[in-house]
Amino acid sequence: MAILIKSESEIEAMRQSGKAAAVLLQRVGEAVGPGVSTYDLDRIARRTIKELGGISSFLGYRPAGHDSYPATVCASINEEIVHGIPSRKRILNEGDIVGIDVAIRLGGYHGDNAFTFPIGSISPEARKLVDVTRKSLYKAIEAAKPGNRLGDVGFAVQNYVEAHGFSVVRELCGHGIGQKMWEQPQVVNYGTSGKGTRLKPGMVLAIEPMVCVGTHEVVFLEDGWTSVSADRSLSAHFEHTVAILSDGPEILTYSDLWER
């Protein structure tokens, strides 16, 4: 499938969907804390999506070989990498970290973002993991400029993460985004500088480093959705929707949340 180049009017529409996704993530994040269930977070997301006048990008999504995704939030705790299904039984506890991934379709376009939240006081190792993963996202965004290649984006993540002793997940990746939630190209979090598809103005990418303390290998749980680190080491996940413009990358999903 071809990579879709967005027009100026399409990117303006995606600024609105990106802003809505950022509001959605912030609202859910404000409720994160000890004693809260991931089901509670999904309820907040559903109400917020309705308030914003959008449609969940996740609820009912059904790729080949999967059951439909049953929620509006992916809530992934500790060793869970991504796509954790919300449940009344999944309670956040002091010392956990939880990756919250939410997306919304508004005005015909999707906005997608994720943030890993500490639950109260977390271990030094968990804090380092969260900080490194978050910074690796911004390293990737800095590399996402016209004339560079996708390999530059993946290398930026991998180089930074591995220099700090962690590993990048290879089985899961970011993606193009627009009128469809998942478009070409795949945006992997490893690579070689100067290799891969050349980046052009009008591309819009969901860039999302997924980083583990231990192995980069992934295991999928019986629910068919939740992915965990094979050695059950901690994992973190951050994501922005980013438009590549002639003068460089523009983050479409930025909010005050990222000032924490």
Protein backbone atom coordinates (compact mmCIF):
# COMPACT_ATOMS: atom_id res chain seq x y z
CA MET A 1 0.00 0.00 0.00
CA ALA A 2 1.18 3.50 -0.83
CA ILE A 3 2.08 6.07 1.79
CA LEU A 4 -0.60 8.76 1.79
CA ILE A 5 0.58 12.36 1.62
CA LYS A 6 -1.81 14.74 3.38
CA SER A 7 -2.78 18.13 2.00
CA GLU A 8 -2.63 21.31 4.10
CA SER A 9 -6.37 21.04 4.74
CA GLU A 10 -6.04 17.41 5.81
CA ILE A 11 -3.23 18.26 8.22
CA GLU A 12 -5.37 21.05 9.66
CA ALA A 13 -8.14 18.48 10.22
CA MET A 14 -5.61 16.23 11.91
CA ARG A 15 -4.59 19.07 14.21
CA GLN A 16 -8.14 18.94 15.50
CA SER A 17 -8.22 15.17 15.91
CA GLY A 18 -4.78 15.30 17.50
CA LYS A 19 -5.92 17.95 19.96
CA ALA A 20 -8.94 15.81 20.84
CA ALA A 21 -6.70 12.77 21.39
CA ALA A 22 -4.48 14.84 23.68
CA VAL A 23 -7.49 15.99 25.72
CA LEU A 24 -8.67 12.39 25.95
CA LEU A 25 -5.30 11.15 27.20
CA GLN A 26 -5.06 13.96 29.74
CA ARG A 27 -8.54 13.27 31.11
CA VAL A 28 -7.79 9.59 31.56
CA GLY A 29 -4.39 10.39 33.04
CA GLU A 30 -5.91 12.68 35.65
CA ALA A 31 -7.81 9.68 37.05
CA VAL A 32 -4.81 7.36 37.26
CA GLY A 33 -3.85 6.43 40.83
CA PRO A 34 -3.71 3.67 43.44
CA GLY A 35 -6.97 1.77 43.81
CA VAL A 36 -8.31 2.74 40.39
CA SER A 37 -9.26 -0.06 38.00
CA THR A 38 -8.45 0.02 34.32
CA TYR A 39 -12.19 -0.43 33.75
CA ASP A 40 -12.72 2.90 35.52
CA LEU A 41 -10.29 4.51 33.09
CA ASP A 42 -12.15 3.07 30.12
CA ARG A 43 -15.43 4.54 31.45
CA ILE A 44 -13.82 7.97 31.62
CA ALA A 45 -12.53 7.62 28.08
CA ARG A 46 -15.96 6.66 26.76
CA ARG A 47 -17.58 9.70 28.36
CA THR A 48 -14.84 12.00 27.10
CA ILE A 49 -15.02 10.69 23.53
CA LYS A 50 -18.77 11.33 23.54
CA GLU A 51 -18.25 14.83 24.96
CA LEU A 52 -15.68 15.61 22.25
CA GLY A 53 -18.06 14.45 19.53
CA GLY A 54 -15.72 11.76 18.28
CA ILE A 55 -15.59 7.99 17.83
CA SER A 56 -13.17 5.62 19.53
CA SER A 57 -10.49 4.41 17.14
CA PHE A 58 -10.06 1.22 19.20
CA LEU A 59 -13.52 0.04 20.21
CA GLY A 60 -14.68 -2.69 17.83
CA TYR A 61 -11.46 -2.71 15.80
CA ARG A 62 -10.95 -6.21 14.41
CA PRO A 63 -7.80 -7.10 12.50
CA ALA A 64 -7.51 -10.45 10.77
CA GLY A 65 -7.24 -13.31 13.24
CA HIS A 66 -8.48 -11.29 16.23
CA ASP A 67 -11.68 -10.81 18.11
CA SER A 68 -12.90 -7.21 18.13
CA TYR A 69 -11.12 -4.98 20.62
CA PRO A 70 -13.64 -4.48 23.45
CA ALA A 71 -12.61 -1.11 24.91
CA THR A 72 -11.68 2.50 24.16
CA VAL A 73 -8.44 2.38 26.16
CA CYS A 74 -5.37 0.16 26.06
CA ALA A 75 -4.10 -0.02 29.66
CA SER A 76 -0.84 -1.94 30.04
CA ILE A 77 0.58 -2.49 33.53
CA ASN A 78 4.24 -3.21 34.39
CA GLU A 79 5.42 -6.04 32.11
CA GLU A 80 2.53 -5.49 29.70
CA ILE A 81 3.84 -3.67 26.64
CA VAL A 82 0.70 -2.58 24.78
CA HIS A 83 -2.97 -3.48 24.17
CA GLY A 84 -3.85 -4.41 27.74
CA ILE A 85 -7.63 -4.83 27.92
CA PRO A 86 -9.35 -2.86 30.71
CA SER A 87 -10.95 -4.91 33.48
CA ARG A 88 -12.64 -4.37 36.84
CA LYS A 89 -10.10 -6.87 38.20
CA ARG A 90 -7.05 -4.89 37.07
CA ILE A 91 -6.41 -2.48 39.92
CA LEU A 92 -3.54 0.00 39.89
CA ASN A 93 -1.26 -0.29 42.92
CA GLU A 94 1.41 1.91 44.44
CA GLY A 95 4.68 1.30 42.60
CA ASP A 96 3.12 0.20 39.31
CA ILE A 97 3.62 1.87 35.97
CA VAL A 98 0.77 1.89 33.47
CA GLY A 99 0.88 2.70 29.78
CA ILE A 100 -2.34 4.37 28.62
CA ASP A 101 -2.95 4.42 24.86
CA VAL A 102 -6.02 6.21 23.50
CA ALA A 103 -7.14 7.31 20.06
CA ILE A 104 -10.12 9.17 18.65
CA ARG A 105 -11.62 9.70 15.22
CA LEU A 106 -12.89 13.25 14.76
CA GLY A 107 -13.88 14.93 11.49
CA GLY A 108 -12.92 11.82 9.58
CA TYR A 109 -9.32 11.65 10.89
CA HIS A 110 -7.65 9.80 13.72
CA GLY A 111 -5.44 11.10 16.51
CA ASP A 112 -3.38 8.62 18.56
CA ASN A 113 -1.22 9.05 21.67
CA ALA A 114 0.11 7.20 24.70
CA PHE A 115 1.82 7.97 28.00
CA THR A 116 3.25 5.77 30.77
CA PHE A 117 2.16 6.95 34.21
CA PRO A 118 3.87 6.18 37.51
CA ILE A 119 1.50 5.06 40.25
CA GLY A 120 2.68 6.85 43.35
CA SER A 121 6.30 6.24 44.26
CA ILE A 122 8.03 3.90 41.80
CA SER A 123 11.40 2.16 41.87
CA PRO A 124 14.52 3.87 40.53
CA GLU A 125 14.66 1.30 37.73
CA ALA A 126 11.06 2.01 36.73
CA ARG A 127 11.68 5.76 36.84
CA LYS A 128 14.73 5.41 34.61
CA LEU A 129 12.77 3.24 32.17
CA VAL A 130 9.93 5.75 31.93
CA ASP A 131 12.30 8.70 31.49
CA VAL A 132 14.42 6.98 28.85
CA THR A 133 11.39 5.82 26.86
CA ARG A 134 9.86 9.28 26.92
CA LYS A 135 13.10 10.93 25.82
CA SER A 136 13.56 8.37 23.07
CA LEU A 137 10.24 9.49 21.59
CA TYR A 138 11.53 13.04 21.32
CA LYS A 139 14.80 11.80 19.80
CA ALA A 140 12.70 10.07 17.15
CA ILE A 141 10.59 13.15 16.51
CA GLU A 142 13.72 15.27 16.06
CA ALA A 143 14.81 12.83 13.34
CA ALA A 144 11.42 12.91 11.58
CA LYS A 145 12.18 15.73 9.20
CA PRO A 146 11.98 15.98 5.41
CA GLY A 147 14.91 14.39 3.63
CA ASN A 148 15.66 11.99 6.46
CA ARG A 149 14.64 8.36 6.25
CA LEU A 150 12.61 6.05 8.45
CA GLY A 151 15.85 4.36 9.44
CA ASP A 152 16.95 7.64 11.03
CA VAL A 153 13.83 7.63 13.20
CA GLY A 154 14.26 4.03 14.31
CA PHE A 155 17.98 4.50 14.89
CA ALA A 156 17.32 7.53 17.09
CA VAL A 157 15.16 5.42 19.40
CA GLN A 158 17.37 2.35 19.41
CA ASN A 159 20.63 4.23 19.92
CA TYR A 160 19.30 6.23 22.87
CA VAL A 161 17.53 3.30 24.53
CA GLU A 162 20.37 0.81 24.20
CA ALA A 163 22.91 3.37 25.44
CA HIS A 164 20.92 3.35 28.70
CA GLY A 165 20.91 -0.45 28.97
CA PHE A 166 17.34 -1.14 27.83
CA SER A 167 15.89 -2.86 24.75
CA VAL A 168 13.42 -1.76 22.08
CA VAL A 169 10.50 -3.96 21.12
CA ARG A 170 10.77 -5.14 17.51
CA GLU A 171 7.55 -7.09 16.92
CA LEU A 172 5.37 -4.02 17.46
CA CYS A 173 5.76 -0.60 15.91
CA GLY A 174 4.30 2.78 15.03
CA HIS A 175 2.47 3.56 11.82
CA GLY A 176 1.14 6.07 9.38
CA ILE A 177 -2.18 7.58 10.39
CA GLY A 178 -4.95 9.59 8.76
CA GLN A 179 -8.46 8.66 7.68
CA LYS A 180 -7.47 5.14 8.66
CA MET A 181 -6.02 4.41 12.06
CA TRP A 182 -3.24 2.22 10.68
CA GLU A 183 -1.70 3.30 7.40
CA GLN A 184 1.66 2.80 5.74
CA PRO A 185 4.48 3.11 6.58
CA GLN A 186 5.37 0.97 9.55
CA VAL A 187 7.50 3.02 11.95
CA VAL A 188 9.82 0.60 13.74
CA ASN A 189 11.90 1.59 16.76
CA TYR A 190 15.22 0.29 15.48
CA GLY A 191 17.16 0.73 12.28
CA THR A 192 20.12 2.12 10.40
CA SER A 193 20.62 5.81 9.69
CA GLY A 194 20.21 6.67 6.03
CA LYS A 195 18.14 3.57 5.24
CA GLY A 196 14.46 3.10 4.54
CA THR A 197 11.70 5.25 3.10
CA ARG A 198 12.53 8.92 2.63
CA LEU A 199 10.39 11.26 4.71
CA LYS A 200 8.38 13.89 2.83
CA PRO A 201 6.19 16.84 3.82
CA GLY A 202 2.60 15.71 4.25
CA MET A 203 3.38 12.38 5.89
CA VAL A 204 1.72 11.89 9.28
CA LEU A 205 3.16 9.27 11.61
CA ALA A 206 2.22 7.76 14.94
CA ILE A 207 5.66 7.37 16.52
CA GLU A 208 5.61 5.11 19.58
CA PRO A 209 8.69 3.69 21.27
CA MET A 210 8.04 0.55 23.33
CA VAL A 211 10.95 -0.22 25.63
CA CYS A 212 11.74 -3.06 28.04
CA VAL A 213 14.17 -3.40 30.94
CA GLY A 214 15.13 -6.88 29.77
CA THR A 215 14.60 -8.77 26.52
CA HIS A 216 12.93 -7.18 23.51
CA GLU A 217 11.09 -10.44 22.83
CA VAL A 218 7.31 -10.39 23.11
CA VAL A 219 4.69 -12.91 24.24
CA PHE A 220 0.97 -12.52 23.59
CA LEU A 221 -1.50 -13.50 26.28
CA GLU A 222 -4.53 -15.74 25.78
CA ASP A 223 -6.83 -12.77 25.21
CA GLY A 224 -5.13 -12.37 21.82
CA TRP A 225 -4.39 -8.69 22.42
CA THR A 226 -2.19 -8.08 25.45
CA SER A 227 1.53 -8.26 24.71
CA VAL A 228 4.06 -8.73 27.51
CA SER A 229 7.83 -8.87 27.70
CA ALA A 230 8.92 -12.50 27.38
CA ASP A 231 10.99 -12.30 30.57
CA ARG A 232 8.23 -10.33 32.35
CA SER A 233 10.51 -7.33 32.83
CA LEU A 234 9.02 -3.84 33.04
CA SER A 235 7.97 -2.09 29.86
CA ALA A 236 7.06 1.52 29.00
CA HIS A 237 5.32 3.14 26.02
CA PHE A 238 4.97 6.72 24.79
CA GLU A 239 3.39 7.97 21.57
CA HIS A 240 2.66 11.15 19.62
CA THR A 241 0.95 11.75 16.29
CA VAL A 242 3.43 13.80 14.26
CA ALA A 243 3.00 15.66 10.96
CA ILE A 244 6.07 16.10 8.81
CA LEU A 245 6.03 19.62 7.38
CA SER A 246 8.44 21.40 5.04
CA ASP A 247 10.11 23.09 8.03
CA GLY A 248 10.21 19.99 10.24
CA PRO A 249 8.00 17.83 12.47
CA GLU A 250 4.91 19.12 14.24
CA ILE A 251 3.48 17.23 17.22
CA LEU A 252 -0.29 17.11 16.80
CA THR A 253 -1.07 15.49 20.17
CA TYR A 254 0.84 17.75 22.55
CA SER A 255 -0.83 18.91 25.80
CA ASP A 256 0.11 20.10 29.28
CA LEU A 257 0.35 16.45 30.30
CA TRP A 258 3.77 16.30 28.68
CA GLU A 259 5.05 19.02 31.02
CA ARG A 260 4.87 16.64 33.99
